[in-house]
C-alpha atoms as a PDB file:
ATOM      1  CA  MET A   1     -52.960-285.587 -54.899  1.00  0.00           C
ATOM      2  CA  LYS A   2     -50.379-285.154 -57.640  1.00  0.00           C
ATOM      3  CA  LYS A   3     -51.340-281.479 -58.095  1.00  0.00           C
ATOM      4  CA  SER A   4     -51.030-280.678 -54.368  1.00  0.00           C
ATOM      5  CA  CYS A   5     -47.552-282.306 -54.219  1.00  0.00           C
ATOM      6  CA  ILE A   6     -46.415-280.133 -57.135  1.00  0.00           C
ATOM      7  CA  GLN A   7     -47.804-277.039 -55.407  1.00  0.00           C
ATOM      8  CA  ILE A   8     -46.048-277.906 -52.132  1.00  0.00           C
ATOM      9  CA  PHE A   9     -42.799-278.594 -53.985  1.00  0.00           C
ATOM     10  CA  SER A  10     -43.113-275.267 -55.850  1.00  0.00           C
ATOM     11  CA  VAL A  11     -43.685-273.360 -52.613  1.00  0.00           C
ATOM     12  CA  LEU A  12     -40.638-275.032 -51.021  1.00  0.00           C
ATOM     13  CA  ILE A  13     -38.408-274.146 -53.976  1.00  0.00           C
ATOM     14  CA  LEU A  14     -39.676-270.567 -54.062  1.00  0.00           C
ATOM     15  CA  SER A  15     -39.162-270.054 -50.325  1.00  0.00           C
ATOM     16  CA  THR A  16     -35.647-271.505 -50.556  1.00  0.00           C
ATOM     17  CA  LEU A  17     -34.756-269.182 -53.430  1.00  0.00           C
ATOM     18  CA  CYS A  18     -36.139-266.172 -51.554  1.00  0.00           C
ATOM     19  CA  SER A  19     -34.082-267.007 -48.481  1.00  0.00           C
ATOM     20  CA  LEU A  20     -30.950-267.216 -50.638  1.00  0.00           C
ATOM     21  CA  ALA A  21     -31.541-263.776 -52.145  1.00  0.00           C
ATOM     22  CA  VAL A  22     -28.745-261.382 -51.320  1.00  0.00           C
ATOM     23  CA  THR A  23     -29.588-257.844 -50.326  1.00  0.00           C
ATOM     24  CA  ALA A  24     -27.456-254.795 -50.959  1.00  0.00           C
ATOM     25  CA  GLU A  25     -25.977-253.137 -47.893  1.00  0.00           C
ATOM     26  CA  VAL A  26     -24.228-249.919 -46.941  1.00  0.00           C
ATOM     27  CA  ASN A  27     -21.514-249.725 -44.325  1.00  0.00           C
ATOM     28  CA  ILE A  28     -19.525-246.877 -42.760  1.00  0.00           C
ATOM     29  CA  GLU A  29     -15.917-247.759 -43.345  1.00  0.00           C
ATOM     30  CA  GLU A  30     -14.450-244.617 -41.801  1.00  0.00           C
ATOM     31  CA  LEU A  31     -15.563-241.475 -39.978  1.00  0.00           C
ATOM     32  CA  LEU A  32     -12.462-239.413 -39.420  1.00  0.00           C
ATOM     33  CA  VAL A  33     -11.941-235.908 -38.053  1.00  0.00           C
ATOM     34  CA  ARG A  34      -8.710-234.353 -39.271  1.00  0.00           C
ATOM     35  CA  ARG A  35      -7.208-231.015 -38.361  1.00  0.00           C
ATOM     36  CA  GLY A  36      -5.070-229.317 -40.983  1.00  0.00           C
ATOM     37  CA  SER A  37      -2.969-226.246 -40.422  1.00  0.00           C
ATOM     38  CA  ALA A  38      -5.906-223.875 -40.900  1.00  0.00           C
ATOM     39  CA  SER A  39      -9.101-225.897 -40.806  1.00  0.00           C
ATOM     40  CA  LEU A  40     -10.936-228.984 -39.671  1.00  0.00           C
ATOM     41  CA  ASN A  41     -12.124-231.685 -42.071  1.00  0.00           C
ATOM     42  CA  ILE A  42     -14.515-234.589 -41.476  1.00  0.00           C
ATOM     43  CA  ARG A  43     -14.187-237.471 -43.939  1.00  0.00           C
ATOM     44  CA  LEU A  44     -16.935-240.058 -44.266  1.00  0.00           C
ATOM     45  CA  THR A  45     -16.159-243.197 -46.266  1.00  0.00           C
ATOM     46  CA  ILE A  46     -18.977-245.638 -46.993  1.00  0.00           C
ATOM     47  CA  ASN A  47     -18.903-248.941 -48.800  1.00  0.00           C
ATOM     48  CA  ASN A  48     -21.122-251.721 -50.069  1.00  0.00           C
ATOM     49  CA  PRO A  49     -19.807-255.002 -48.609  1.00  0.00           C
ATOM     50  CA  SER A  50     -22.436-257.115 -50.356  1.00  0.00           C
ATOM     51  CA  LYS A  51     -22.326-258.781 -53.767  1.00  0.00           C
ATOM     52  CA  VAL A  52     -25.309-256.792 -55.017  1.00  0.00           C
ATOM     53  CA  ARG A  53     -25.421-253.230 -56.365  1.00  0.00           C
ATOM     54  CA  GLN A  54     -26.966-250.768 -53.913  1.00  0.00           C
ATOM     55  CA  LEU A  55     -29.302-248.603 -55.939  1.00  0.00           C
ATOM     56  CA  GLY A  56     -29.695-244.996 -54.946  1.00  0.00           C
ATOM     57  CA  PRO A  57     -30.208-242.712 -53.583  1.00  0.00           C
ATOM     58  CA  VAL A  58     -27.858-243.670 -50.789  1.00  0.00           C
ATOM     59  CA  VAL A  59     -28.298-240.976 -48.132  1.00  0.00           C
ATOM     60  CA  ALA A  60     -25.539-239.991 -45.702  1.00  0.00           C
ATOM     61  CA  GLN A  61     -26.168-237.604 -42.816  1.00  0.00           C
ATOM     62  CA  LEU A  62     -23.416-235.993 -40.773  1.00  0.00           C
ATOM     63  CA  TYR A  63     -24.013-234.690 -37.232  1.00  0.00           C
ATOM     64  CA  ALA A  64     -21.911-233.126 -34.477  1.00  0.00           C
ATOM     65  CA  ARG A  65     -22.277-232.231 -30.803  1.00  0.00           C
ATOM     66  CA  ALA A  66     -20.086-230.818 -28.069  1.00  0.00           C
ATOM     67  CA  ASN A  67     -20.526-233.794 -25.715  1.00  0.00           C
ATOM     68  CA  SER A  68     -22.810-236.726 -24.939  1.00  0.00           C
ATOM     69  CA  SER A  69     -25.234-234.594 -22.925  1.00  0.00           C
ATOM     70  CA  GLU A  70     -25.979-232.361 -25.932  1.00  0.00           C
ATOM     71  CA  GLN A  71     -28.367-232.962 -28.839  1.00  0.00           C
ATOM     72  CA  TRP A  72     -26.943-233.874 -32.248  1.00  0.00           C
ATOM     73  CA  VAL A  73     -26.854-231.014 -34.759  1.00  0.00           C
ATOM     74  CA  LEU A  74     -27.220-231.917 -38.442  1.00  0.00           C
ATOM     75  CA  LEU A  75     -24.257-230.544 -40.395  1.00  0.00           C
ATOM     76  CA  ARG A  76     -24.867-231.975 -43.846  1.00  0.00           C
ATOM     77  CA  THR A  77     -26.993-234.440 -45.811  1.00  0.00           C
ATOM     78  CA  TRP A  78     -25.641-236.016 -48.980  1.00  0.00           C
ATOM     79  CA  ASP A  79     -28.436-237.573 -51.044  1.00  0.00           C
ATOM     80  CA  ASN A  80     -26.675-237.543 -54.415  1.00  0.00           C
ATOM     81  CA  ILE A  81     -25.016-240.974 -54.211  1.00  0.00           C
ATOM     82  CA  SER A  82     -26.882-242.634 -57.069  1.00  0.00           C
ATOM     83  CA  THR A  83     -25.514-246.204 -56.785  1.00  0.00           C
ATOM     84  CA  LEU A  84     -22.830-248.103 -54.938  1.00  0.00           C
ATOM     85  CA  GLY A  85     -21.526-251.190 -56.700  1.00  0.00           C
ATOM     86  CA  PRO A  86     -20.618-254.438 -54.951  1.00  0.00           C
ATOM     87  CA  GLY A  87     -17.411-253.951 -52.973  1.00  0.00           C
ATOM     88  CA  HIS A  88     -17.173-250.274 -53.986  1.00  0.00           C
ATOM     89  CA  ARG A  89     -16.643-247.300 -51.696  1.00  0.00           C
ATOM     90  CA  THR A  90     -17.103-243.556 -51.845  1.00  0.00           C
ATOM     91  CA  SER A  91     -16.022-240.692 -49.598  1.00  0.00           C
ATOM     92  CA  ARG A  92     -17.483-237.318 -48.722  1.00  0.00           C
ATOM     93  CA  ASP A  93     -15.659-234.456 -47.021  1.00  0.00           C
ATOM     94  CA  PHE A  94     -17.057-231.671 -44.884  1.00  0.00           C
ATOM     95  CA  PHE A  95     -15.009-228.650 -43.848  1.00  0.00           C
ATOM     96  CA  GLU A  96     -15.543-226.457 -40.804  1.00  0.00           C
ATOM     97  CA  GLU A  97     -15.958-223.302 -42.895  1.00  0.00           C
ATOM     98  CA  ASN A  98     -19.218-224.772 -44.234  1.00  0.00           C
ATOM     99  CA  SER A  99     -20.855-224.673 -40.791  1.00  0.00           C
ATOM    100  CA  PHE A 100     -20.856-221.985 -38.119  1.00  0.00           C
ATOM    101  CA  PHE A 101     -21.619-224.698 -35.541  1.00  0.00           C
ATOM    102  CA  LEU A 102     -18.607-226.805 -36.583  1.00  0.00           C
ATOM    103  CA  GLU A 103     -16.374-223.718 -36.591  1.00  0.00           C
ATOM    104  CA  LYS A 104     -17.413-223.150 -32.976  1.00  0.00           C
ATOM    105  CA  LEU A 105     -16.750-226.807 -32.055  1.00  0.00           C
ATOM    106  CA  ALA A 106     -13.364-226.739 -33.801  1.00  0.00           C
ATOM    107  CA  ASP A 107     -12.151-224.308 -31.135  1.00  0.00           C
ATOM    108  CA  GLU A 108     -12.991-226.824 -28.381  1.00  0.00           C
ATOM    109  CA  ASP A 109     -10.646-229.529 -27.071  1.00  0.00           C
ATOM    110  CA  GLN A 110     -13.141-232.291 -27.789  1.00  0.00           C
ATOM    111  CA  PHE A 111     -16.452-233.034 -29.504  1.00  0.00           C
ATOM    112  CA  GLU A 112     -18.226-235.912 -31.249  1.00  0.00           C
ATOM    113  CA  VAL A 113     -19.297-236.519 -34.825  1.00  0.00           C
ATOM    114  CA  ARG A 114     -21.876-239.030 -36.018  1.00  0.00           C
ATOM    115  CA  ALA A 115     -22.786-240.407 -39.427  1.00  0.00           C
ATOM    116  CA  VAL A 116     -25.955-242.251 -40.426  1.00  0.00           C
ATOM    117  CA  VAL A 117     -26.139-243.870 -43.866  1.00  0.00           C
ATOM    118  CA  THR A 118     -29.170-245.505 -45.462  1.00  0.00           C
ATOM    119  CA  GLY A 119     -29.829-247.159 -48.789  1.00  0.00           C
ATOM    120  CA  PRO A 120     -33.187-248.088 -50.288  1.00  0.00           C
ATOM    121  CA  GLU A 121     -32.261-251.785 -50.391  1.00  0.00           C
ATOM    122  CA  ALA A 122     -30.281-251.976 -47.148  1.00  0.00           C
ATOM    123  CA  THR A 123     -31.807-253.987 -44.334  1.00  0.00           C
ATOM    124  CA  LYS A 124     -30.777-251.379 -41.741  1.00  0.00           C
ATOM    125  CA  ALA A 125     -29.104-247.995 -41.415  1.00  0.00           C
ATOM    126  CA  ALA A 126     -25.382-247.853 -40.734  1.00  0.00           C
ATOM    127  CA  GLU A 127     -24.348-245.572 -37.886  1.00  0.00           C
ATOM    128  CA  LYS A 128     -21.005-244.584 -36.416  1.00  0.00           C
ATOM    129  CA  VAL A 129     -19.922-242.091 -33.743  1.00  0.00           C
ATOM    130  CA  SER A 130     -16.353-240.801 -33.518  1.00  0.00           C
ATOM    131  CA  PRO A 131     -14.951-238.615 -30.762  1.00  0.00           C
ATOM    132  CA  TYR A 132     -12.448-235.891 -31.511  1.00  0.00           C
ATOM    133  CA  ARG A 133      -9.917-234.882 -28.879  1.00  0.00           C
ATOM    134  CA  THR A 134      -7.120-232.437 -29.599  1.00  0.00           C
ATOM    135  CA  TRP A 135      -4.802-234.086 -27.087  1.00  0.00           C
ATOM    136  CA  PHE A 136      -5.237-237.434 -28.871  1.00  0.00           C
ATOM    137  CA  GLU A 137      -4.729-235.813 -32.267  1.00  0.00           C
ATOM    138  CA  ASP A 138      -1.471-234.232 -31.079  1.00  0.00           C
ATOM    139  CA  MET A 139      -0.160-237.590 -29.798  1.00  0.00           C
ATOM    140  CA  THR A 140      -0.710-239.347 -33.143  1.00  0.00           C
ATOM    141  CA  GLN A 141       1.230-236.839 -35.265  1.00  0.00           C
END
């Protein structure tokens, strides 16, 4: 009887500790399309909002499409983000001259970009879609 009570107590403590375990996460803080005087730039900023280091590789994929009826086209994959400390952030930039497809979209009045970020310890992938419209860009400057 005494042994089974100790076993039950041990299982309860272990399950409580497991439920309190914090997992590392990745989050997309910003997905921004910016037009400079001569080119287009997409900036992806990711962060780790948790209190635990996110071990790598953290993988970020950047996509684009002309409109919502089109398929996403992969522009770039970054898989060289080795770790992301608690509360830390990192950014990656992609320029239109690195992709014939993005150069073609840059001439259009509007298109969409999408980022998907995963980490080996994250409970789920982070995803964000941002539209780009030249008329909106002109109004904000």
